[in-house]
Amino acid sequence: MLGAEISQSKFHDVSHFGLRLAIGSIFIAGGLIKFDPSFATYLPQMGLPANMQYLFALQEFIPGILIIAGVLTRISASVLSLVMLGVIFYVDKASKFIGPDGVELPVILFAVSIVIITVGPGRISISHAIKKIPRFLQ
């Protein structure tokens, strides 16, 4: 019975790290795309100033790195969940759920961000290795 508990715990740690790795990679890739100058020409079409391009890029890129590393995970996931709410309701205007202009991907990314806020960084993280970081900063 003890062996099953240990393997289940390891599976939980690895799967949680895999979730953080996947969501962090998605946001890093999305942030890198926003550094391209052509993204600045897309912003005025949405009613946003073009000079906010780097802010939009950094608000996905930096939290993505921090989530993968497991540092400031809850704060980073909170930032990303707010970004996804903006995408769902301002950019996509929550017009339809499935389809070419659907919001299914932002909703999934929002849900995963909420899971990371709830669960925290997990044991495979820098926060767990240091052990002196307060829980609310993990």
C-alpha atoms as a PDB file:
ATOM      1  CA  MET A   1       0.000   0.000   0.000  1.00  0.00           C
ATOM      2  CA  LEU A   2       2.835   2.383   0.781  1.00  0.00           C
ATOM      3  CA  GLY A   3       4.332   1.844  -2.679  1.00  0.00           C
ATOM      4  CA  ALA A   4       1.057   2.908  -4.303  1.00  0.00           C
ATOM      5  CA  GLU A   5       0.966   6.102  -2.226  1.00  0.00           C
ATOM      6  CA  ILE A   6       4.536   6.967  -3.165  1.00  0.00           C
ATOM      7  CA  SER A   7       3.998   6.352  -6.890  1.00  0.00           C
ATOM      8  CA  GLN A   8       0.736   8.303  -6.784  1.00  0.00           C
ATOM      9  CA  SER A   9       2.527  11.210  -5.117  1.00  0.00           C
ATOM     10  CA  LYS A  10       5.308  11.138  -7.733  1.00  0.00           C
ATOM     11  CA  PHE A  11       2.729  10.958 -10.507  1.00  0.00           C
ATOM     12  CA  HIS A  12       0.953  13.967  -9.006  1.00  0.00           C
ATOM     13  CA  ASP A  13       4.218  15.946  -8.838  1.00  0.00           C
ATOM     14  CA  VAL A  14       5.213  15.092 -12.401  1.00  0.00           C
ATOM     15  CA  SER A  15       1.736  15.759 -13.812  1.00  0.00           C
ATOM     16  CA  HIS A  16       1.546  19.097 -12.016  1.00  0.00           C
ATOM     17  CA  PHE A  17       4.953  20.064 -13.412  1.00  0.00           C
ATOM     18  CA  GLY A  18       3.769  18.964 -16.869  1.00  0.00           C
ATOM     19  CA  LEU A  19       0.733  21.231 -16.533  1.00  0.00           C
ATOM     20  CA  ARG A  20       2.954  24.158 -15.528  1.00  0.00           C
ATOM     21  CA  LEU A  21       5.350  23.385 -18.373  1.00  0.00           C
ATOM     22  CA  ALA A  22       2.550  23.267 -20.945  1.00  0.00           C
ATOM     23  CA  ILE A  23       0.805  26.474 -19.866  1.00  0.00           C
ATOM     24  CA  GLY A  24       4.105  28.308 -19.428  1.00  0.00           C
ATOM     25  CA  SER A  25       5.261  27.268 -22.905  1.00  0.00           C
ATOM     26  CA  ILE A  26       2.002  28.427 -24.480  1.00  0.00           C
ATOM     27  CA  PHE A  27       2.276  31.851 -22.846  1.00  0.00           C
ATOM     28  CA  ILE A  28       5.990  32.200 -23.637  1.00  0.00           C
ATOM     29  CA  ALA A  29       5.249  31.474 -27.313  1.00  0.00           C
ATOM     30  CA  GLY A  30       2.322  33.911 -27.287  1.00  0.00           C
ATOM     31  CA  GLY A  31       4.454  36.587 -25.648  1.00  0.00           C
ATOM     32  CA  LEU A  32       7.282  36.135 -28.151  1.00  0.00           C
ATOM     33  CA  ILE A  33       4.877  36.607 -31.058  1.00  0.00           C
ATOM     34  CA  LYS A  34       3.760  39.921 -29.571  1.00  0.00           C
ATOM     35  CA  PHE A  35       7.323  41.307 -29.731  1.00  0.00           C
ATOM     36  CA  ASP A  36       7.048  41.280 -33.543  1.00  0.00           C
ATOM     37  CA  PRO A  37       6.485  44.842 -34.893  1.00  0.00           C
ATOM     38  CA  SER A  38       3.559  43.637 -37.006  1.00  0.00           C
ATOM     39  CA  PHE A  39       1.599  43.022 -33.783  1.00  0.00           C
ATOM     40  CA  ALA A  40       1.654  46.782 -33.089  1.00  0.00           C
ATOM     41  CA  THR A  41      -0.294  47.383 -36.305  1.00  0.00           C
ATOM     42  CA  TYR A  42      -2.978  44.964 -35.114  1.00  0.00           C
ATOM     43  CA  LEU A  43      -3.616  46.783 -31.801  1.00  0.00           C
ATOM     44  CA  PRO A  44      -5.338  49.942 -33.160  1.00  0.00           C
ATOM     45  CA  GLN A  45      -7.852  47.695 -34.938  1.00  0.00           C
ATOM     46  CA  MET A  46      -8.929  46.525 -31.479  1.00  0.00           C
ATOM     47  CA  GLY A  47      -9.061  50.064 -30.116  1.00  0.00           C
ATOM     48  CA  LEU A  48      -5.813  49.745 -28.164  1.00  0.00           C
ATOM     49  CA  PRO A  49      -2.766  52.042 -28.433  1.00  0.00           C
ATOM     50  CA  ALA A  50       0.104  50.606 -30.478  1.00  0.00           C
ATOM     51  CA  ASN A  51       2.693  51.661 -27.901  1.00  0.00           C
ATOM     52  CA  MET A  52       1.315  49.034 -25.472  1.00  0.00           C
ATOM     53  CA  GLN A  53       2.776  46.248 -27.611  1.00  0.00           C
ATOM     54  CA  TYR A  54       5.677  45.507 -25.269  1.00  0.00           C
ATOM     55  CA  LEU A  55       3.456  45.553 -22.180  1.00  0.00           C
ATOM     56  CA  PHE A  56       1.186  42.953 -23.770  1.00  0.00           C
ATOM     57  CA  ALA A  57       4.201  40.864 -24.775  1.00  0.00           C
ATOM     58  CA  LEU A  58       5.821  41.014 -21.335  1.00  0.00           C
ATOM     59  CA  GLN A  59       2.615  40.237 -19.429  1.00  0.00           C
ATOM     60  CA  GLU A  60       2.545  36.826 -21.113  1.00  0.00           C
ATOM     61  CA  PHE A  61       6.267  36.154 -21.544  1.00  0.00           C
ATOM     62  CA  ILE A  62       7.527  36.798 -17.983  1.00  0.00           C
ATOM     63  CA  PRO A  63       4.728  34.960 -16.109  1.00  0.00           C
ATOM     64  CA  GLY A  64       5.184  32.023 -18.499  1.00  0.00           C
ATOM     65  CA  ILE A  65       8.842  31.745 -17.499  1.00  0.00           C
ATOM     66  CA  LEU A  66       8.034  32.111 -13.797  1.00  0.00           C
ATOM     67  CA  ILE A  67       5.332  29.437 -13.942  1.00  0.00           C
ATOM     68  CA  ILE A  68       7.699  26.929 -15.545  1.00  0.00           C
ATOM     69  CA  ALA A  69      10.410  27.725 -12.991  1.00  0.00           C
ATOM     70  CA  GLY A  70       7.951  27.516 -10.113  1.00  0.00           C
ATOM     71  CA  VAL A  71       8.712  30.970  -8.704  1.00  0.00           C
ATOM     72  CA  LEU A  72       5.910  33.439  -7.912  1.00  0.00           C
ATOM     73  CA  THR A  73       3.620  30.874  -9.485  1.00  0.00           C
ATOM     74  CA  ARG A  74       0.333  32.029  -7.954  1.00  0.00           C
ATOM     75  CA  ILE A  75       0.987  35.683  -8.763  1.00  0.00           C
ATOM     76  CA  SER A  76       2.024  34.814 -12.327  1.00  0.00           C
ATOM     77  CA  ALA A  77      -1.047  32.636 -12.838  1.00  0.00           C
ATOM     78  CA  SER A  78      -3.202  35.485 -11.487  1.00  0.00           C
ATOM     79  CA  VAL A  79      -1.715  37.866 -14.061  1.00  0.00           C
ATOM     80  CA  LEU A  80      -2.314  35.336 -16.826  1.00  0.00           C
ATOM     81  CA  SER A  81      -5.892  34.710 -15.727  1.00  0.00           C
ATOM     82  CA  LEU A  82      -6.561  38.459 -15.923  1.00  0.00           C
ATOM     83  CA  VAL A  83      -4.967  38.519 -19.382  1.00  0.00           C
ATOM     84  CA  MET A  84      -7.246  35.684 -20.470  1.00  0.00           C
ATOM     85  CA  LEU A  85     -10.324  37.469 -19.116  1.00  0.00           C
ATOM     86  CA  GLY A  86      -9.308  40.478 -21.220  1.00  0.00           C
ATOM     87  CA  VAL A  87      -8.905  38.259 -24.272  1.00  0.00           C
ATOM     88  CA  ILE A  88     -12.252  36.553 -23.698  1.00  0.00           C
ATOM     89  CA  PHE A  89     -14.341  39.648 -23.054  1.00  0.00           C
ATOM     90  CA  TYR A  90     -12.496  42.520 -24.784  1.00  0.00           C
ATOM     91  CA  VAL A  91     -10.598  41.033 -27.722  1.00  0.00           C
ATOM     92  CA  ASP A  92     -12.913  38.156 -28.658  1.00  0.00           C
ATOM     93  CA  LYS A  93     -15.994  39.789 -27.097  1.00  0.00           C
ATOM     94  CA  ALA A  94     -17.171  36.309 -25.996  1.00  0.00           C
ATOM     95  CA  SER A  95     -19.225  36.120 -29.181  1.00  0.00           C
ATOM     96  CA  LYS A  96     -19.171  32.351 -29.592  1.00  0.00           C
ATOM     97  CA  PHE A  97     -17.514  29.465 -27.844  1.00  0.00           C
ATOM     98  CA  ILE A  98     -16.468  27.160 -30.694  1.00  0.00           C
ATOM     99  CA  GLY A  99     -15.375  28.070 -34.189  1.00  0.00           C
ATOM    100  CA  PRO A 100     -12.814  30.233 -35.972  1.00  0.00           C
ATOM    101  CA  ASP A 101     -13.474  33.205 -33.681  1.00  0.00           C
ATOM    102  CA  GLY A 102     -14.371  31.106 -30.654  1.00  0.00           C
ATOM    103  CA  VAL A 103     -13.098  31.595 -27.130  1.00  0.00           C
ATOM    104  CA  GLU A 104     -12.525  27.933 -26.263  1.00  0.00           C
ATOM    105  CA  LEU A 105      -8.716  28.234 -26.073  1.00  0.00           C
ATOM    106  CA  PRO A 106      -8.727  31.376 -23.874  1.00  0.00           C
ATOM    107  CA  VAL A 107     -11.304  29.717 -21.602  1.00  0.00           C
ATOM    108  CA  ILE A 108      -9.112  26.613 -21.273  1.00  0.00           C
ATOM    109  CA  LEU A 109      -6.039  28.756 -20.542  1.00  0.00           C
ATOM    110  CA  PHE A 110      -8.064  30.720 -17.978  1.00  0.00           C
ATOM    111  CA  ALA A 111      -9.218  27.491 -16.291  1.00  0.00           C
ATOM    112  CA  VAL A 112      -5.671  26.097 -16.137  1.00  0.00           C
ATOM    113  CA  SER A 113      -4.451  29.395 -14.655  1.00  0.00           C
ATOM    114  CA  ILE A 114      -7.105  29.105 -11.942  1.00  0.00           C
ATOM    115  CA  VAL A 115      -5.959  25.537 -11.214  1.00  0.00           C
ATOM    116  CA  ILE A 116      -2.355  26.731 -10.848  1.00  0.00           C
ATOM    117  CA  ILE A 117      -3.481  29.542  -8.519  1.00  0.00           C
ATOM    118  CA  THR A 118      -5.314  26.977  -6.393  1.00  0.00           C
ATOM    119  CA  VAL A 119      -2.677  24.231  -6.314  1.00  0.00           C
ATOM    120  CA  GLY A 120       0.460  26.386  -6.280  1.00  0.00           C
ATOM    121  CA  PRO A 121       3.891  25.522  -7.649  1.00  0.00           C
ATOM    122  CA  GLY A 122       4.091  21.897  -6.510  1.00  0.00           C
ATOM    123  CA  ARG A 123       7.152  19.999  -5.367  1.00  0.00           C
ATOM    124  CA  ILE A 124       9.052  20.182  -8.661  1.00  0.00           C
ATOM    125  CA  SER A 125       9.736  23.899  -8.420  1.00  0.00           C
ATOM    126  CA  ILE A 126      12.290  26.402  -7.237  1.00  0.00           C
ATOM    127  CA  SER A 127       9.865  27.579  -4.540  1.00  0.00           C
ATOM    128  CA  HIS A 128       9.763  24.100  -3.050  1.00  0.00           C
ATOM    129  CA  ALA A 129      13.545  23.719  -3.270  1.00  0.00           C
ATOM    130  CA  ILE A 130      14.175  27.007  -1.451  1.00  0.00           C
ATOM    131  CA  LYS A 131      11.418  26.405   1.168  1.00  0.00           C
ATOM    132  CA  LYS A 132      11.809  29.903   2.630  1.00  0.00           C
ATOM    133  CA  ILE A 133       9.424  31.617   0.223  1.00  0.00           C
ATOM    134  CA  PRO A 134       6.121  32.516   1.939  1.00  0.00           C
ATOM    135  CA  ARG A 135       3.117  30.567   0.663  1.00  0.00           C
ATOM    136  CA  PHE A 136       1.363  33.622  -0.776  1.00  0.00           C
ATOM    137  CA  LEU A 137       4.462  34.398  -2.899  1.00  0.00           C
ATOM    138  CA  GLN A 138       4.766  30.864  -4.265  1.00  0.00           C
END
